Every structure is written in structure tokens, then in C-alpha cells.
């Protein structure tokens, strides 16, 4: 499925956007004067924009040279997003550390620390590389580039006004939004991994046997041809469609038993014992 411009913008906003950057930037620039804050913000913006664009083009090229499929890259990004989002959720229960302003004395060093991995997250880079690799024409690449730069500009604005944003009730609002976003990111990472597994051809069919032995498939997914034979042999299924390379919703067979989740022929053997 090809993502539209709005969907790409949301994806970049969630994985590379300013919501996760405001707090760390304000923390890193505590005690710094306005001039130093601007220097750090501008340098972080320039570094992150150059690096993320370069990562998109270079990553897509290397992906092709190494013969890595897009689903494999997507699955990897999903794993990283899951681990990072889960860690962020658990960090809410860690003791609060007092802010320090030591790093703000060196604007370039602070900008580098903010760029990696706060602005350019590993899972965000995976999304960028996947979108560049999947773009088959120059117009599509231009759209991805424009949206990417737009999110980087939002990051710059958030960094410039970070200390003003984190005043009063705004802190509580951002904490609430961050908590909700953290949960959604965990769910998103799981969905990304599930979709990548499907695109990789990993078979998974959830079947439910009714009280009268009527079996209805709840999900239409690609499965191994051997699954049909295993259904017949292990679950006592009769009248399975011939050569079931694809099982669809409401494909009905007759069987006896309970509920069985089918992954492949090996899973069926284990589940039937």
C-alpha cells in the first residue's frame, strides 16, 4: 500500500517530530543565554536535515546493494520503535534527575548530542530509507523530501521556543500527550511488525471451529500449500479447498475440534498433539 502525503507527514511527525525533542533540548540548554540557545538550535537543525536527507538516499542505495527487502527493513524499524517506545513509557517511573547546563557551553557538541538520537531516531531513519527506496519516480521523491524538510523546520521552531513552551500548564499537557503518544507508538510498532511479517510471507491464519463443526477463517492471509493437507490430517477437516495458496474470509470447511491458530505445517502438528 502506498502512503499518501498526509500519512507520510504523520509518520515523520511521530518518528522524527518535535514532541520528543522539546524536553531534552530545554534540559540540555538550561542556564544558556538566548544567543547560545539559537546557535544550538540552528546547528542541530542543519545537521539533522543534511544527515536525514543523506541517509535516505544512501540507505536506499545500500538497501538495494545488500539485497535487503523493504519488509525486512520495516520489521527492523518496528522492533527498534517498540523497544524505544517501551523504554520511554517505563522512564516515567524513574526518579527525576536534576538539570545540568555543562554541555550548553559547547554549542556544536550539544547540537550533535541532540541530533543523534533525539532528532534522528533509528526507527525514523528506517522509515525515511524505506520511503526513499519505495519511491519509483522523481515526483514522489520530491514529496517525501518536502515533507521531511517541513518536519525538520517544525523541530527548529520547537527548539527555539522550547523554554517558553515548557512553562506553566504546558508541561502537564506535554506530559499527557507524551504518555498517550508512547502507548500509541508501542501499538504502532506492533502493527508495523505484523504488516512486515505478512509482506515477508509469514503465514498466519486464525480459524475458529463452531459448535456444529463449521470452520470459518477470520483473516485472509497467504499460507503454505501444505497447510491444507495438515488441516485435513491433524484437525479432521473435510472439504478443504484444493491447493489453498490463499485462504479468504468465509471460506468454509467442516471439522471437529475447538479453536486452532495456524502458522505453518509444523505448528499444526504441534497443536494437534
Protein backbone atom coordinates (compact mmCIF):
# COMPACT_ATOMS: atom_id res chain seq x y z
CA UNK A 1 0.00 0.00 0.00
CA UNK A 2 1.37 3.43 -1.00
CA UNK A 3 1.22 6.10 1.69
CA UNK A 4 -0.28 9.47 0.81
CA UNK A 5 1.28 12.83 1.66
CA UNK A 6 -0.79 13.23 4.84
CA UNK A 7 0.15 9.76 6.07
CA UNK A 8 3.84 10.37 5.37
CA UNK A 9 3.68 13.69 7.25
CA UNK A 10 2.11 11.97 10.27
CA UNK A 11 4.71 9.22 10.14
CA UNK A 12 7.58 11.73 10.06
CA UNK A 13 5.96 13.82 12.78
CA UNK A 14 5.66 10.82 15.10
CA UNK A 15 9.10 9.34 14.43
CA UNK A 16 11.17 12.49 13.75
CA UNK A 17 8.99 15.32 15.03
CA UNK A 18 9.34 17.87 17.83
CA UNK A 19 7.23 16.30 20.59
CA UNK A 20 10.10 14.12 21.79
CA UNK A 21 12.65 16.92 21.33
CA UNK A 22 11.31 19.85 23.38
CA UNK A 23 12.09 18.36 26.79
CA UNK A 24 15.63 17.12 26.05
CA UNK A 25 16.53 20.40 24.30
CA UNK A 26 15.32 22.50 27.22
CA UNK A 27 17.18 20.21 29.61
CA UNK A 28 20.42 20.47 27.59
CA UNK A 29 20.28 24.28 27.41
CA UNK A 30 19.36 25.09 31.00
CA UNK A 31 21.19 28.26 32.02
CA UNK A 32 22.32 29.11 28.48
CA UNK A 33 21.72 32.60 27.13
CA UNK A 34 19.41 33.28 24.19
CA UNK A 35 22.28 33.53 21.70
CA UNK A 36 23.68 30.13 22.67
CA UNK A 37 20.24 28.55 22.51
CA UNK A 38 19.76 29.88 18.97
CA UNK A 39 23.19 28.62 17.92
CA UNK A 40 22.47 25.14 19.23
CA UNK A 41 19.01 25.03 17.64
CA UNK A 42 20.21 26.21 14.21
CA UNK A 43 23.17 23.85 14.20
CA UNK A 44 21.04 20.91 15.25
CA UNK A 45 18.55 21.78 12.50
CA UNK A 46 21.26 21.98 9.81
CA UNK A 47 22.97 18.79 10.94
CA UNK A 48 19.76 16.78 11.21
CA UNK A 49 18.41 17.98 7.85
CA UNK A 50 21.61 17.18 5.97
CA UNK A 51 22.03 13.82 7.68
CA UNK A 52 18.46 12.65 7.25
CA UNK A 53 18.39 13.50 3.53
CA UNK A 54 21.75 11.82 3.01
CA UNK A 55 20.57 8.79 5.00
CA UNK A 56 17.51 8.49 2.76
CA UNK A 57 19.46 8.38 -0.49
CA UNK A 58 22.47 6.41 0.77
CA UNK A 59 20.33 4.00 2.77
CA UNK A 60 18.09 3.25 -0.21
CA UNK A 61 21.17 2.57 -2.37
CA UNK A 62 22.80 0.29 0.22
CA UNK A 63 19.49 -1.47 0.74
CA UNK A 64 19.48 -2.42 -2.93
CA UNK A 65 23.14 -3.44 -2.97
CA UNK A 66 22.73 -5.69 0.05
CA UNK A 67 19.51 -7.18 -1.36
CA UNK A 68 17.58 -6.29 1.79
CA UNK A 69 13.84 -6.26 1.21
CA UNK A 70 11.63 -3.37 2.31
CA UNK A 71 9.58 -5.64 4.61
CA UNK A 72 12.80 -6.72 6.35
CA UNK A 73 13.77 -3.08 6.90
CA UNK A 74 10.25 -2.26 8.05
CA UNK A 75 10.30 -5.14 10.52
CA UNK A 76 13.65 -3.95 11.88
CA UNK A 77 12.30 -0.43 12.32
CA UNK A 78 9.27 -1.85 14.12
CA UNK A 79 11.47 -3.71 16.59
CA UNK A 80 13.52 -0.59 17.34
CA UNK A 81 10.41 1.56 17.72
CA UNK A 82 8.91 -0.99 20.10
CA UNK A 83 11.99 -1.07 22.32
CA UNK A 84 12.43 2.73 22.36
CA UNK A 85 8.73 3.48 22.93
CA UNK A 86 8.55 0.90 25.72
CA UNK A 87 11.65 2.37 27.33
CA UNK A 88 10.16 5.87 27.18
CA UNK A 89 6.99 4.64 28.88
CA UNK A 90 8.97 2.98 31.67
CA UNK A 91 11.18 6.05 32.14
CA UNK A 92 8.19 7.91 33.55
CA UNK A 93 8.66 5.87 36.72
CA UNK A 94 12.37 6.68 37.06
CA UNK A 95 13.48 9.27 39.65
CA UNK A 96 13.79 12.82 38.31
CA UNK A 97 17.37 13.89 37.63
CA UNK A 98 18.44 17.48 38.36
CA UNK A 99 19.12 19.53 35.20
CA UNK A 100 22.70 20.40 34.26
CA UNK A 101 23.99 23.10 31.92
CA UNK A 102 27.53 21.80 31.37
CA UNK A 103 27.00 20.69 27.77
CA UNK A 104 25.50 24.03 26.69
CA UNK A 105 28.94 25.63 26.87
CA UNK A 106 29.85 23.93 23.58
CA UNK A 107 27.06 24.59 21.05
CA UNK A 108 28.33 22.18 18.39
CA UNK A 109 28.79 19.33 20.88
CA UNK A 110 25.31 19.91 22.27
CA UNK A 111 23.86 20.05 18.75
CA UNK A 112 25.49 16.72 17.90
CA UNK A 113 24.11 15.08 21.04
CA UNK A 114 20.63 16.34 20.21
CA UNK A 115 20.84 15.30 16.56
CA UNK A 116 21.69 11.68 17.39
CA UNK A 117 19.50 10.04 18.53
CA UNK A 118 16.94 12.64 19.73
CA UNK A 119 16.10 14.21 16.34
CA UNK A 120 17.22 11.42 14.03
CA UNK A 121 15.84 8.35 15.75
CA UNK A 122 16.86 4.91 14.38
CA UNK A 123 13.26 3.97 13.63
CA UNK A 124 12.68 7.36 12.00
CA UNK A 125 15.69 6.80 9.74
CA UNK A 126 14.33 3.35 8.88
CA UNK A 127 11.05 4.96 7.80
CA UNK A 128 12.91 7.55 5.69
CA UNK A 129 15.04 4.91 3.97
CA UNK A 130 12.00 2.73 3.28
CA UNK A 131 10.09 5.64 1.74
CA UNK A 132 13.03 6.67 -0.43
CA UNK A 133 13.57 3.09 -1.56
CA UNK A 134 9.88 2.67 -2.39
CA UNK A 135 9.74 5.93 -4.40
CA UNK A 136 9.80 4.98 -8.07
CA UNK A 137 9.66 8.45 -9.65
CA UNK A 138 11.17 11.88 -9.06
CA UNK A 139 7.81 13.46 -8.14
CA UNK A 140 7.36 11.00 -5.30
CA UNK A 141 10.91 11.67 -4.05
CA UNK A 142 10.23 15.42 -4.10
CA UNK A 143 7.10 14.96 -1.98
CA UNK A 144 8.99 12.87 0.58
CA UNK A 145 11.81 15.42 0.67
CA UNK A 146 9.43 18.36 1.12
CA UNK A 147 7.60 16.69 3.99
CA UNK A 148 10.87 15.69 5.59
CA UNK A 149 12.20 19.25 5.48
CA UNK A 150 8.87 20.54 6.82
CA UNK A 151 9.18 18.33 9.90
CA UNK A 152 12.79 19.48 10.39
CA UNK A 153 11.56 23.09 10.31
CA UNK A 154 8.99 22.22 12.98
CA UNK A 155 11.85 20.83 15.05
CA UNK A 156 13.75 24.10 14.66
CA UNK A 157 10.74 26.13 15.80
CA UNK A 158 10.22 23.82 18.78
CA UNK A 159 13.87 24.17 19.82
CA UNK A 160 13.85 27.96 19.53
CA UNK A 161 10.76 28.24 21.75
CA UNK A 162 11.43 25.20 23.97
CA UNK A 163 11.87 27.17 27.21
CA UNK A 164 8.71 29.19 26.55
CA UNK A 165 6.76 26.06 25.71
CA UNK A 166 7.76 24.37 28.96
CA UNK A 167 6.14 26.99 31.17
CA UNK A 168 3.09 26.65 33.34
CA UNK A 169 0.37 24.18 32.44
CA UNK A 170 2.02 23.40 29.09
CA UNK A 171 4.36 20.97 30.85
CA UNK A 172 1.42 18.92 32.13
CA UNK A 173 -0.21 18.93 28.70
CA UNK A 174 3.00 17.75 27.02
CA UNK A 175 3.45 15.03 29.63
CA UNK A 176 -0.08 13.79 28.98
CA UNK A 177 0.41 13.92 25.22
CA UNK A 178 3.75 12.16 25.60
CA UNK A 179 2.21 9.35 27.64
CA UNK A 180 -0.57 8.82 25.10
CA UNK A 181 1.89 9.03 22.23
CA UNK A 182 4.15 6.49 23.93
CA UNK A 183 1.33 3.96 24.16
CA UNK A 184 0.35 4.61 20.54
CA UNK A 185 3.96 4.19 19.43
CA UNK A 186 4.12 0.77 21.08
CA UNK A 187 0.89 -0.20 19.30
CA UNK A 188 2.20 1.26 16.04
CA UNK A 189 5.42 -0.73 16.34
CA UNK A 190 3.46 -3.95 16.81
CA UNK A 191 1.30 -3.14 13.78
CA UNK A 192 4.42 -2.36 11.71
CA UNK A 193 5.95 -5.72 12.62
CA UNK A 194 2.74 -7.61 11.86
CA UNK A 195 2.43 -5.93 8.47
CA UNK A 196 6.10 -6.58 7.68
CA UNK A 197 5.73 -10.25 8.56
CA UNK A 198 2.74 -10.51 6.24
CA UNK A 199 4.69 -8.86 3.43
CA UNK A 200 7.55 -11.27 4.07
CA UNK A 201 5.12 -14.13 3.50
CA UNK A 202 4.98 -15.44 7.07
CA UNK A 203 1.72 -17.40 7.14
CA UNK A 204 -0.78 -16.89 9.90
CA UNK A 205 -4.44 -17.89 9.75
CA UNK A 206 -6.81 -17.71 12.68
CA UNK A 207 -9.55 -20.32 12.37
CA UNK A 208 -12.48 -20.83 14.65
CA UNK A 209 -14.50 -24.04 14.86
CA UNK A 210 -18.17 -23.58 15.62
CA UNK A 211 -20.25 -25.78 17.87
CA UNK A 212 -21.51 -27.74 14.88
CA UNK A 213 -18.10 -28.23 13.37
CA UNK A 214 -18.34 -25.35 10.88
CA UNK A 215 -14.95 -23.70 10.44
CA UNK A 216 -14.73 -20.06 9.36
CA UNK A 217 -11.47 -18.28 8.61
CA UNK A 218 -11.23 -14.95 10.42
CA UNK A 219 -8.36 -13.48 8.41
CA UNK A 220 -7.41 -13.76 4.74
CA UNK A 221 -3.67 -14.39 4.52
CA UNK A 222 -1.25 -16.25 2.31
CA UNK A 223 -0.45 -19.71 3.67
CA UNK A 224 1.67 -22.65 2.60
CA UNK A 225 0.06 -25.18 0.25
CA UNK A 226 0.90 -27.89 2.80
CA UNK A 227 -1.39 -26.26 5.34
CA UNK A 228 -4.44 -27.65 3.56
CA UNK A 229 -3.16 -31.20 3.90
CA UNK A 230 -2.25 -30.65 7.54
CA UNK A 231 -5.74 -29.32 8.24
CA UNK A 232 -7.20 -32.49 6.78
CA UNK A 233 -4.79 -34.80 8.59
CA UNK A 234 -4.44 -33.21 12.04
CA UNK A 235 -7.76 -31.45 12.64
CA UNK A 236 -10.07 -33.85 10.91
CA UNK A 237 -11.05 -31.21 8.38
CA UNK A 238 -13.07 -32.29 5.39
CA UNK A 239 -13.80 -30.48 2.12
CA UNK A 240 -10.81 -28.13 2.23
CA UNK A 241 -10.46 -26.03 -0.94
CA UNK A 242 -7.93 -27.56 -3.29
CA UNK A 243 -4.41 -26.07 -3.27
CA UNK A 244 -5.26 -23.41 -0.68
CA UNK A 245 -2.48 -20.99 -1.53
CA UNK A 246 -4.76 -18.22 -0.27
CA UNK A 247 -7.50 -18.68 2.26
CA UNK A 248 -10.13 -15.96 2.35
CA UNK A 249 -12.74 -14.73 4.78
CA UNK A 250 -15.79 -17.03 4.91
CA UNK A 251 -14.02 -19.95 3.22
CA UNK A 252 -15.90 -22.74 4.96
CA UNK A 253 -14.83 -26.30 5.70
CA UNK A 254 -16.21 -28.94 8.00
CA UNK A 255 -14.22 -30.02 11.01
CA UNK A 256 -14.39 -31.22 14.58
CA UNK A 257 -12.47 -29.68 17.47
CA UNK A 258 -12.01 -26.33 19.14
CA UNK A 259 -10.00 -23.26 18.11
CA UNK A 260 -6.69 -23.52 16.29
CA UNK A 261 -4.22 -20.85 15.23
CA UNK A 262 -2.43 -21.99 12.11
CA UNK A 263 1.10 -20.74 11.41
CA UNK A 264 2.50 -23.48 9.19
CA UNK A 265 2.51 -27.25 8.87
CA UNK A 266 4.87 -27.66 11.83
CA UNK A 267 2.63 -25.55 14.09
CA UNK A 268 -0.34 -27.68 13.14
CA UNK A 269 1.50 -30.85 14.10
CA UNK A 270 2.40 -29.40 17.50
CA UNK A 271 -1.08 -28.02 18.10
CA UNK A 272 -2.80 -31.29 17.32
CA UNK A 273 -0.81 -33.32 19.85
